[in-house]
Amino acid sequence: QVQLVESGGGLVQAGGSLRLSCAASGRTFSSYNMGWFRQAPGKEREFAAAIIWSDARTFYDDSVKGRFTVSRDNAKNTVYLEMNSLKPEDTAVYYCAADSQGAGEYDYWGQGTQVTVSS
């Protein structure tokens, strides 16, 4: 079983920065692909960023590319999402997720953390 706990959300002005953290339980965290997703009010959940366990390759949605950076610290069982140049449209609940099987499907999810960007 894997448990994921996000933190670091909050209220920030447009142009500001936040760093989200996702702490994971489980001895094999280092072998999980990890992703960040977000869900804005009235919208479906969407992919934001991901990091591959084997070689730390990263992937980003075009809407966040160049502004967000995903990273991981396997020693701390933690994945991060550094968010810069935030825009009001980045306002959403942000979720981290784990692909424990390496099958391209995320089977564990955190409870989410709210990010609100004011204009």
N, C-alpha and C. Protein backbone atom coordinates (compact mmCIF):
# COMPACT_ATOMS: atom_id res chain seq x y z
N GLN A 1 0.85 -1.19 0.00
CA GLN A 1 0.00 0.00 0.00
C GLN A 1 0.88 1.24 0.00
N VAL A 2 0.46 2.23 -0.73
CA VAL A 2 1.20 3.49 -0.83
C VAL A 2 0.30 4.61 -0.35
N GLN A 3 0.84 5.46 0.48
CA GLN A 3 0.11 6.65 0.91
C GLN A 3 0.88 7.88 0.46
N LEU A 4 0.15 8.84 -0.08
CA LEU A 4 0.74 10.06 -0.59
C LEU A 4 0.11 11.24 0.13
N VAL A 5 0.94 12.15 0.61
CA VAL A 5 0.45 13.32 1.33
C VAL A 5 1.09 14.56 0.74
N GLU A 6 0.26 15.41 0.15
CA GLU A 6 0.74 16.67 -0.44
C GLU A 6 0.74 17.78 0.61
N SER A 7 1.61 18.73 0.38
CA SER A 7 1.66 19.93 1.22
C SER A 7 2.27 21.06 0.40
N GLY A 8 2.15 22.28 0.92
CA GLY A 8 2.79 23.41 0.28
C GLY A 8 1.86 24.33 -0.49
N GLY A 9 0.60 23.94 -0.58
CA GLY A 9 -0.34 24.81 -1.28
C GLY A 9 -0.62 26.08 -0.49
N GLY A 10 -1.33 27.01 -1.13
CA GLY A 10 -1.67 28.25 -0.45
C GLY A 10 -2.12 29.30 -1.42
N LEU A 11 -2.17 30.53 -0.93
CA LEU A 11 -2.59 31.68 -1.72
C LEU A 11 -1.36 32.49 -2.11
N VAL A 12 -1.25 32.81 -3.37
CA VAL A 12 -0.10 33.56 -3.86
C VAL A 12 -0.58 34.54 -4.94
N GLN A 13 0.12 35.64 -5.08
CA GLN A 13 -0.23 36.60 -6.13
C GLN A 13 0.32 36.14 -7.47
N ALA A 14 -0.31 36.58 -8.52
CA ALA A 14 0.17 36.27 -9.86
C ALA A 14 1.63 36.69 -9.99
N GLY A 15 2.41 35.82 -10.63
CA GLY A 15 3.83 36.07 -10.77
C GLY A 15 4.67 35.46 -9.66
N GLY A 16 4.01 35.00 -8.60
CA GLY A 16 4.71 34.42 -7.47
C GLY A 16 5.05 32.96 -7.67
N SER A 17 5.57 32.37 -6.60
CA SER A 17 6.04 30.99 -6.66
C SER A 17 5.55 30.19 -5.46
N LEU A 18 5.43 28.90 -5.67
CA LEU A 18 5.13 27.96 -4.59
C LEU A 18 5.88 26.67 -4.89
N ARG A 19 6.18 25.92 -3.84
CA ARG A 19 6.74 24.59 -4.02
C ARG A 19 5.85 23.60 -3.30
N LEU A 20 5.32 22.68 -4.05
CA LEU A 20 4.51 21.61 -3.49
C LEU A 20 5.40 20.42 -3.19
N SER A 21 5.05 19.73 -2.12
CA SER A 21 5.75 18.49 -1.76
C SER A 21 4.75 17.36 -1.68
N CYS A 22 5.22 16.17 -1.97
CA CYS A 22 4.39 14.98 -1.87
C CYS A 22 5.24 13.90 -1.19
N ALA A 23 4.88 13.61 0.04
CA ALA A 23 5.60 12.59 0.81
C ALA A 23 4.91 11.25 0.62
N ALA A 24 5.71 10.25 0.31
CA ALA A 24 5.17 8.92 0.01
C ALA A 24 5.65 7.91 1.03
N SER A 25 4.76 7.00 1.35
CA SER A 25 5.14 5.85 2.15
C SER A 25 5.47 4.70 1.21
N GLY A 26 6.10 3.69 1.73
CA GLY A 26 6.40 2.55 0.88
C GLY A 26 7.88 2.40 0.62
N ARG A 27 8.35 1.20 0.73
CA ARG A 27 9.79 0.95 0.60
C ARG A 27 10.28 1.05 -0.83
N THR A 28 9.36 0.95 -1.79
CA THR A 28 9.79 0.94 -3.18
C THR A 28 9.44 2.23 -3.90
N PHE A 29 9.34 3.31 -3.17
CA PHE A 29 9.00 4.60 -3.77
C PHE A 29 9.93 4.93 -4.92
N SER A 30 11.19 4.61 -4.79
CA SER A 30 12.17 5.00 -5.80
C SER A 30 11.89 4.35 -7.14
N SER A 31 11.07 3.31 -7.17
CA SER A 31 10.77 2.62 -8.42
C SER A 31 9.42 3.03 -9.01
N TYR A 32 8.79 4.05 -8.42
CA TYR A 32 7.50 4.51 -8.93
C TYR A 32 7.70 5.71 -9.85
N ASN A 33 6.99 5.71 -10.95
CA ASN A 33 6.85 6.93 -11.70
C ASN A 33 5.86 7.81 -10.95
N MET A 34 6.16 9.10 -10.86
CA MET A 34 5.33 10.00 -10.08
C MET A 34 4.79 11.12 -10.97
N GLY A 35 3.56 11.51 -10.69
CA GLY A 35 2.95 12.57 -11.49
C GLY A 35 2.27 13.60 -10.61
N TRP A 36 2.11 14.78 -11.19
CA TRP A 36 1.30 15.84 -10.58
C TRP A 36 0.14 16.14 -11.52
N PHE A 37 -1.03 16.23 -10.94
CA PHE A 37 -2.23 16.56 -11.68
C PHE A 37 -2.91 17.73 -10.98
N ARG A 38 -3.85 18.36 -11.67
CA ARG A 38 -4.57 19.45 -11.04
C ARG A 38 -6.01 19.47 -11.54
N GLN A 39 -6.86 20.00 -10.69
CA GLN A 39 -8.28 20.11 -11.04
C GLN A 39 -8.79 21.47 -10.61
N ALA A 40 -9.16 22.24 -11.59
CA ALA A 40 -9.73 23.57 -11.34
C ALA A 40 -11.23 23.44 -11.13
N PRO A 41 -11.84 24.42 -10.47
CA PRO A 41 -13.28 24.35 -10.22
C PRO A 41 -14.07 24.20 -11.52
N GLY A 42 -14.96 23.24 -11.54
CA GLY A 42 -15.80 23.03 -12.70
C GLY A 42 -15.13 22.36 -13.88
N LYS A 43 -13.88 21.95 -13.69
CA LYS A 43 -13.14 21.32 -14.79
C LYS A 43 -12.70 19.91 -14.41
N GLU A 44 -12.34 19.14 -15.42
CA GLU A 44 -11.83 17.81 -15.16
C GLU A 44 -10.37 17.88 -14.69
N ARG A 45 -9.97 16.85 -14.00
CA ARG A 45 -8.58 16.76 -13.57
C ARG A 45 -7.68 16.62 -14.80
N GLU A 46 -6.54 17.32 -14.78
CA GLU A 46 -5.64 17.30 -15.92
C GLU A 46 -4.21 17.07 -15.47
N PHE A 47 -3.45 16.53 -16.39
CA PHE A 47 -2.04 16.24 -16.15
C PHE A 47 -1.24 17.55 -16.13
N ALA A 48 -0.29 17.63 -15.21
CA ALA A 48 0.60 18.79 -15.16
C ALA A 48 2.06 18.40 -15.43
N ALA A 49 2.55 17.39 -14.69
CA ALA A 49 3.96 17.03 -14.81
C ALA A 49 4.18 15.61 -14.31
N ALA A 50 5.27 15.01 -14.74
CA ALA A 50 5.61 13.66 -14.29
C ALA A 50 7.12 13.48 -14.32
N ILE A 51 7.58 12.52 -13.50
CA ILE A 51 9.00 12.20 -13.47
C ILE A 51 9.14 10.69 -13.44
N ILE A 52 10.02 10.18 -14.28
CA ILE A 52 10.23 8.75 -14.41
C ILE A 52 11.25 8.28 -13.39
N TRP A 53 10.96 7.13 -12.77
CA TRP A 53 11.82 6.70 -11.68
C TRP A 53 13.21 6.30 -12.14
N SER A 54 13.30 5.68 -13.33
CA SER A 54 14.55 5.04 -13.73
C SER A 54 15.63 6.04 -14.15
N ASP A 55 15.22 7.11 -14.81
CA ASP A 55 16.25 8.02 -15.32
C ASP A 55 15.93 9.48 -15.08
N ALA A 56 14.88 9.70 -14.27
CA ALA A 56 14.49 11.07 -13.88
C ALA A 56 14.08 11.94 -15.06
N ARG A 57 13.70 11.31 -16.17
CA ARG A 57 13.14 12.12 -17.24
C ARG A 57 11.87 12.79 -16.75
N THR A 58 11.64 13.98 -17.25
CA THR A 58 10.46 14.73 -16.84
C THR A 58 9.58 15.06 -18.04
N PHE A 59 8.31 15.21 -17.76
CA PHE A 59 7.33 15.53 -18.78
C PHE A 59 6.41 16.61 -18.23
N TYR A 60 6.00 17.51 -19.10
CA TYR A 60 5.14 18.61 -18.68
C TYR A 60 4.03 18.85 -19.69
N ASP A 61 2.90 19.27 -19.15
CA ASP A 61 1.87 19.78 -20.06
C ASP A 61 2.35 21.11 -20.60
N ASP A 62 1.92 21.44 -21.81
CA ASP A 62 2.35 22.69 -22.42
C ASP A 62 1.97 23.90 -21.59
N SER A 63 0.90 23.81 -20.83
CA SER A 63 0.43 24.96 -20.06
C SER A 63 1.37 25.34 -18.91
N VAL A 64 2.23 24.40 -18.51
CA VAL A 64 3.13 24.67 -17.38
C VAL A 64 4.60 24.59 -17.77
N LYS A 65 4.87 24.17 -18.99
CA LYS A 65 6.26 24.00 -19.43
C LYS A 65 7.00 25.32 -19.36
N GLY A 66 8.20 25.26 -18.77
CA GLY A 66 9.01 26.46 -18.62
C GLY A 66 8.74 27.21 -17.34
N ARG A 67 7.66 26.87 -16.65
CA ARG A 67 7.33 27.55 -15.39
C ARG A 67 7.38 26.59 -14.20
N PHE A 68 7.02 25.34 -14.43
CA PHE A 68 6.98 24.34 -13.37
C PHE A 68 8.15 23.37 -13.53
N THR A 69 8.66 22.88 -12.40
CA THR A 69 9.72 21.89 -12.42
C THR A 69 9.39 20.78 -11.44
N VAL A 70 9.40 19.55 -11.93
CA VAL A 70 9.15 18.39 -11.06
C VAL A 70 10.49 17.74 -10.74
N SER A 71 10.65 17.33 -9.50
CA SER A 71 11.87 16.68 -9.07
C SER A 71 11.54 15.68 -7.96
N ARG A 72 12.50 14.87 -7.62
CA ARG A 72 12.26 13.88 -6.57
C ARG A 72 13.52 13.68 -5.74
N ASP A 73 13.30 13.31 -4.49
CA ASP A 73 14.38 12.95 -3.59
C ASP A 73 14.03 11.57 -3.05
N ASN A 74 14.64 10.54 -3.63
CA ASN A 74 14.28 9.18 -3.24
C ASN A 74 14.68 8.87 -1.80
N ALA A 75 15.71 9.52 -1.32
CA ALA A 75 16.14 9.28 0.06
C ALA A 75 15.09 9.77 1.05
N LYS A 76 14.33 10.78 0.62
CA LYS A 76 13.29 11.33 1.48
C LYS A 76 11.89 10.87 1.09
N ASN A 77 11.83 9.99 0.08
CA ASN A 77 10.52 9.51 -0.41
C ASN A 77 9.59 10.68 -0.74
N THR A 78 10.13 11.68 -1.41
CA THR A 78 9.37 12.90 -1.66
C THR A 78 9.54 13.34 -3.10
N VAL A 79 8.45 13.79 -3.68
CA VAL A 79 8.49 14.41 -5.00
C VAL A 79 8.01 15.85 -4.85
N TYR A 80 8.58 16.73 -5.65
CA TYR A 80 8.31 18.16 -5.53
C TYR A 80 7.77 18.70 -6.84
N LEU A 81 7.03 19.79 -6.72
CA LEU A 81 6.63 20.56 -7.89
C LEU A 81 6.91 22.02 -7.58
N GLU A 82 7.96 22.53 -8.22
CA GLU A 82 8.32 23.94 -8.08
C GLU A 82 7.53 24.71 -9.12
N MET A 83 6.74 25.68 -8.66
CA MET A 83 5.87 26.44 -9.57
C MET A 83 6.27 27.91 -9.54
N ASN A 84 6.67 28.43 -10.66
CA ASN A 84 7.09 29.82 -10.78
C ASN A 84 6.19 30.55 -11.78
N SER A 85 6.26 31.87 -11.74
CA SER A 85 5.47 32.70 -12.65
C SER A 85 4.02 32.26 -12.67
N LEU A 86 3.47 32.09 -11.49
CA LEU A 86 2.11 31.56 -11.39
C LEU A 86 1.09 32.54 -11.97
N LYS A 87 0.06 31.94 -12.54
CA LYS A 87 -1.01 32.70 -13.18
C LYS A 87 -2.34 32.35 -12.51
N PRO A 88 -3.32 33.25 -12.59
CA PRO A 88 -4.63 32.91 -11.99
C PRO A 88 -5.20 31.60 -12.53
N GLU A 89 -4.91 31.27 -13.77
CA GLU A 89 -5.43 30.03 -14.33
C GLU A 89 -4.74 28.79 -13.79
N ASP A 90 -3.71 28.96 -12.99
CA ASP A 90 -3.09 27.82 -12.30
C ASP A 90 -3.85 27.44 -11.03
N THR A 91 -4.83 28.26 -10.66
CA THR A 91 -5.63 27.96 -9.48
C THR A 91 -6.32 26.62 -9.63
N ALA A 92 -6.08 25.72 -8.67
CA ALA A 92 -6.62 24.37 -8.75
C ALA A 92 -6.25 23.61 -7.48
N VAL A 93 -6.86 22.46 -7.31
CA VAL A 93 -6.37 21.49 -6.34
C VAL A 93 -5.33 20.64 -7.04
N TYR A 94 -4.17 20.55 -6.44
CA TYR A 94 -3.06 19.80 -7.03
C TYR A 94 -2.92 18.46 -6.31
N TYR A 95 -2.82 17.41 -7.12
CA TYR A 95 -2.71 16.05 -6.60
C TYR A 95 -1.40 15.42 -7.08
N CYS A 96 -0.75 14.69 -6.21
CA CYS A 96 0.33 13.84 -6.69
C CYS A 96 -0.20 12.42 -6.81
N ALA A 97 0.43 11.67 -7.67
CA ALA A 97 -0.02 10.32 -7.96
C ALA A 97 1.18 9.43 -8.25
N ALA A 98 1.02 8.15 -7.94
CA ALA A 98 2.08 7.18 -8.15
C ALA A 98 1.65 6.10 -9.13
N ASP A 99 2.53 5.81 -10.06
CA ASP A 99 2.35 4.67 -10.98
C ASP A 99 3.25 3.57 -10.46
N SER A 100 2.70 2.73 -9.59
CA SER A 100 3.53 1.74 -8.90
C SER A 100 3.89 0.55 -9.78
N GLN A 101 3.15 0.36 -10.86
CA GLN A 101 3.38 -0.81 -11.72
C GLN A 101 4.19 -0.45 -12.97
N GLY A 102 4.43 0.81 -13.16
CA GLY A 102 5.14 1.21 -14.37
C GLY A 102 4.36 0.98 -15.63
N ALA A 103 3.05 0.96 -15.50
CA ALA A 103 2.18 0.63 -16.63
C ALA A 103 1.58 1.87 -17.28
N GLY A 104 2.00 3.03 -16.80
CA GLY A 104 1.45 4.25 -17.36
C GLY A 104 0.12 4.63 -16.78
N GLU A 105 -0.31 3.96 -15.75
CA GLU A 105 -1.56 4.31 -15.07
C GLU A 105 -1.25 4.59 -13.61
N TYR A 106 -1.82 5.66 -13.11
CA TYR A 106 -1.56 6.06 -11.74
C TYR A 106 -2.57 5.38 -10.82
N ASP A 107 -2.04 4.58 -9.90
CA ASP A 107 -2.93 3.77 -9.06
C ASP A 107 -3.00 4.23 -7.62
N TYR A 108 -2.20 5.20 -7.25
CA TYR A 108 -2.29 5.78 -5.92
C TYR A 108 -2.34 7.30 -6.04
N TRP A 109 -3.20 7.90 -5.21
CA TRP A 109 -3.41 9.35 -5.28
C TRP A 109 -3.38 9.95 -3.89
N GLY A 110 -2.88 11.18 -3.81
CA GLY A 110 -2.96 11.91 -2.57
C GLY A 110 -4.30 12.60 -2.44
N GLN A 111 -4.46 13.32 -1.33
CA GLN A 111 -5.74 13.97 -1.05
C GLN A 111 -5.85 15.35 -1.70
N GLY A 112 -4.73 15.86 -2.17
CA GLY A 112 -4.74 17.15 -2.85
C GLY A 112 -4.40 18.32 -1.95
N THR A 113 -3.87 19.36 -2.56
CA THR A 113 -3.57 20.59 -1.85
C THR A 113 -4.01 21.77 -2.73
N GLN A 114 -4.65 22.75 -2.11
CA GLN A 114 -5.24 23.86 -2.86
C GLN A 114 -4.16 24.91 -3.18
N VAL A 115 -4.14 25.32 -4.42
CA VAL A 115 -3.31 26.44 -4.85
C VAL A 115 -4.23 27.50 -5.43
N THR A 116 -4.13 28.69 -4.89
CA THR A 116 -4.96 29.80 -5.37
C THR A 116 -4.05 30.95 -5.77
N VAL A 117 -4.19 31.40 -7.00
CA VAL A 117 -3.37 32.49 -7.51
C VAL A 117 -4.28 33.69 -7.76
N SER A 118 -4.01 34.76 -7.06
CA SER A 118 -4.83 35.96 -7.20
C SER A 118 -4.25 36.89 -8.26
N SER A 119 -5.11 37.60 -8.92
CA SER A 119 -4.65 38.51 -9.98
C SER A 119 -4.36 39.89 -9.44
